[in-house]
Amino acid sequence: MEQETHTWGPVSLILAIAAGLVIGGLALGAAFWVLGILAGLVFGLLRVAVLIGLAALVVWGVRSVFGRNHSRY
């Protein structure tokens, strides 16, 4: 009983490499697409947080300048 070994022919090897490149490229593209969506959401939330912080700073500044308990030195 001899054991047969399967060897890849040049055409099969080229097709396997091409399929791997296509599948890998699609997977990488999908990963970057998802990361882009997540980055957009994070930066959108960060923009809203900065606007809320600036508004709170303006309100705090106006209250401290024009507040009732404002004491002058």
C-alpha atoms as a PDB file:
ATOM      1  CA  MET A   1       0.000   0.000   0.000  1.00  0.00           C
ATOM      2  CA  GLU A   2       1.553   3.160  -1.144  1.00  0.00           C
ATOM      3  CA  GLN A   3       0.290   6.462   0.139  1.00  0.00           C
ATOM      4  CA  GLU A   4      -0.445   9.003  -2.524  1.00  0.00           C
ATOM      5  CA  THR A   5       0.625  12.556  -1.954  1.00  0.00           C
ATOM      6  CA  HIS A   6      -1.396  15.339  -3.483  1.00  0.00           C
ATOM      7  CA  THR A   7       0.675  18.011  -5.126  1.00  0.00           C
ATOM      8  CA  TRP A   8      -0.702  21.324  -6.218  1.00  0.00           C
ATOM      9  CA  GLY A   9      -0.410  22.124  -9.894  1.00  0.00           C
ATOM     10  CA  PRO A  10       0.608  25.608 -10.982  1.00  0.00           C
ATOM     11  CA  VAL A  11      -2.916  26.545 -12.094  1.00  0.00           C
ATOM     12  CA  SER A  12      -4.485  25.314  -8.841  1.00  0.00           C
ATOM     13  CA  LEU A  13      -1.886  27.189  -6.834  1.00  0.00           C
ATOM     14  CA  ILE A  14      -2.504  30.414  -8.774  1.00  0.00           C
ATOM     15  CA  LEU A  15      -6.266  30.058  -8.314  1.00  0.00           C
ATOM     16  CA  ALA A  16      -5.887  29.397  -4.572  1.00  0.00           C
ATOM     17  CA  ILE A  17      -3.671  32.464  -4.133  1.00  0.00           C
ATOM     18  CA  ALA A  18      -6.032  34.630  -6.198  1.00  0.00           C
ATOM     19  CA  ALA A  19      -9.043  33.469  -4.191  1.00  0.00           C
ATOM     20  CA  GLY A  20      -7.191  34.178  -0.940  1.00  0.00           C
ATOM     21  CA  LEU A  21      -6.300  37.671  -2.120  1.00  0.00           C
ATOM     22  CA  VAL A  22      -9.872  38.423  -3.153  1.00  0.00           C
ATOM     23  CA  ILE A  23     -11.390  37.080   0.069  1.00  0.00           C
ATOM     24  CA  GLY A  24      -8.717  38.819   2.170  1.00  0.00           C
ATOM     25  CA  GLY A  25      -9.280  42.100   0.327  1.00  0.00           C
ATOM     26  CA  LEU A  26     -13.019  41.911   0.860  1.00  0.00           C
ATOM     27  CA  ALA A  27     -12.574  41.113   4.549  1.00  0.00           C
ATOM     28  CA  LEU A  28     -10.106  43.985   4.979  1.00  0.00           C
ATOM     29  CA  GLY A  29     -12.429  46.372   3.167  1.00  0.00           C
ATOM     30  CA  ALA A  30     -15.350  45.349   5.370  1.00  0.00           C
ATOM     31  CA  ALA A  31     -13.225  45.782   8.509  1.00  0.00           C
ATOM     32  CA  PHE A  32     -12.152  49.296   7.482  1.00  0.00           C
ATOM     33  CA  TRP A  33     -15.763  50.149   6.597  1.00  0.00           C
ATOM     34  CA  VAL A  34     -16.949  49.109  10.066  1.00  0.00           C
ATOM     35  CA  LEU A  35     -14.069  50.981  11.700  1.00  0.00           C
ATOM     36  CA  GLY A  36     -14.971  54.069   9.679  1.00  0.00           C
ATOM     37  CA  ILE A  37     -18.576  53.889  10.873  1.00  0.00           C
ATOM     38  CA  LEU A  38     -17.443  53.508  14.491  1.00  0.00           C
ATOM     39  CA  ALA A  39     -14.989  56.400  14.164  1.00  0.00           C
ATOM     40  CA  GLY A  40     -17.747  58.577  12.694  1.00  0.00           C
ATOM     41  CA  LEU A  41     -20.018  57.780  15.625  1.00  0.00           C
ATOM     42  CA  VAL A  42     -17.292  58.449  18.189  1.00  0.00           C
ATOM     43  CA  PHE A  43     -16.311  61.775  16.624  1.00  0.00           C
ATOM     44  CA  GLY A  44     -19.965  62.772  16.294  1.00  0.00           C
ATOM     45  CA  LEU A  45     -20.506  62.120  19.995  1.00  0.00           C
ATOM     46  CA  LEU A  46     -17.290  63.970  20.800  1.00  0.00           C
ATOM     47  CA  ARG A  47     -18.481  66.977  18.789  1.00  0.00           C
ATOM     48  CA  VAL A  48     -21.798  67.025  20.670  1.00  0.00           C
ATOM     49  CA  ALA A  49     -19.958  66.703  23.998  1.00  0.00           C
ATOM     50  CA  VAL A  50     -17.689  69.652  23.142  1.00  0.00           C
ATOM     51  CA  LEU A  51     -20.686  71.793  22.170  1.00  0.00           C
ATOM     52  CA  ILE A  52     -22.463  70.909  25.424  1.00  0.00           C
ATOM     53  CA  GLY A  53     -19.304  71.707  27.390  1.00  0.00           C
ATOM     54  CA  LEU A  54     -18.923  75.075  25.672  1.00  0.00           C
ATOM     55  CA  ALA A  55     -22.566  75.910  26.318  1.00  0.00           C
ATOM     56  CA  ALA A  56     -22.166  74.977  29.990  1.00  0.00           C
ATOM     57  CA  LEU A  57     -19.051  77.158  30.207  1.00  0.00           C
ATOM     58  CA  VAL A  58     -20.904  80.122  28.696  1.00  0.00           C
ATOM     59  CA  VAL A  59     -23.846  79.661  31.083  1.00  0.00           C
ATOM     60  CA  TRP A  60     -21.474  79.382  34.054  1.00  0.00           C
ATOM     61  CA  GLY A  61     -19.594  82.506  32.936  1.00  0.00           C
ATOM     62  CA  VAL A  62     -22.774  84.542  32.466  1.00  0.00           C
ATOM     63  CA  ARG A  63     -24.109  83.435  35.850  1.00  0.00           C
ATOM     64  CA  SER A  64     -20.850  84.282  37.582  1.00  0.00           C
ATOM     65  CA  VAL A  65     -20.650  87.746  35.989  1.00  0.00           C
ATOM     66  CA  PHE A  66     -24.324  88.726  36.204  1.00  0.00           C
ATOM     67  CA  GLY A  67     -25.366  86.672  39.222  1.00  0.00           C
ATOM     68  CA  ARG A  68     -27.164  88.125  42.231  1.00  0.00           C
ATOM     69  CA  ASN A  69     -24.470  87.213  44.740  1.00  0.00           C
ATOM     70  CA  HIS A  70     -21.708  88.913  42.791  1.00  0.00           C
ATOM     71  CA  SER A  71     -19.398  90.698  45.209  1.00  0.00           C
ATOM     72  CA  ARG A  72     -16.970  93.348  44.032  1.00  0.00           C
ATOM     73  CA  TYR A  73     -13.561  93.830  45.584  1.00  0.00           C
END
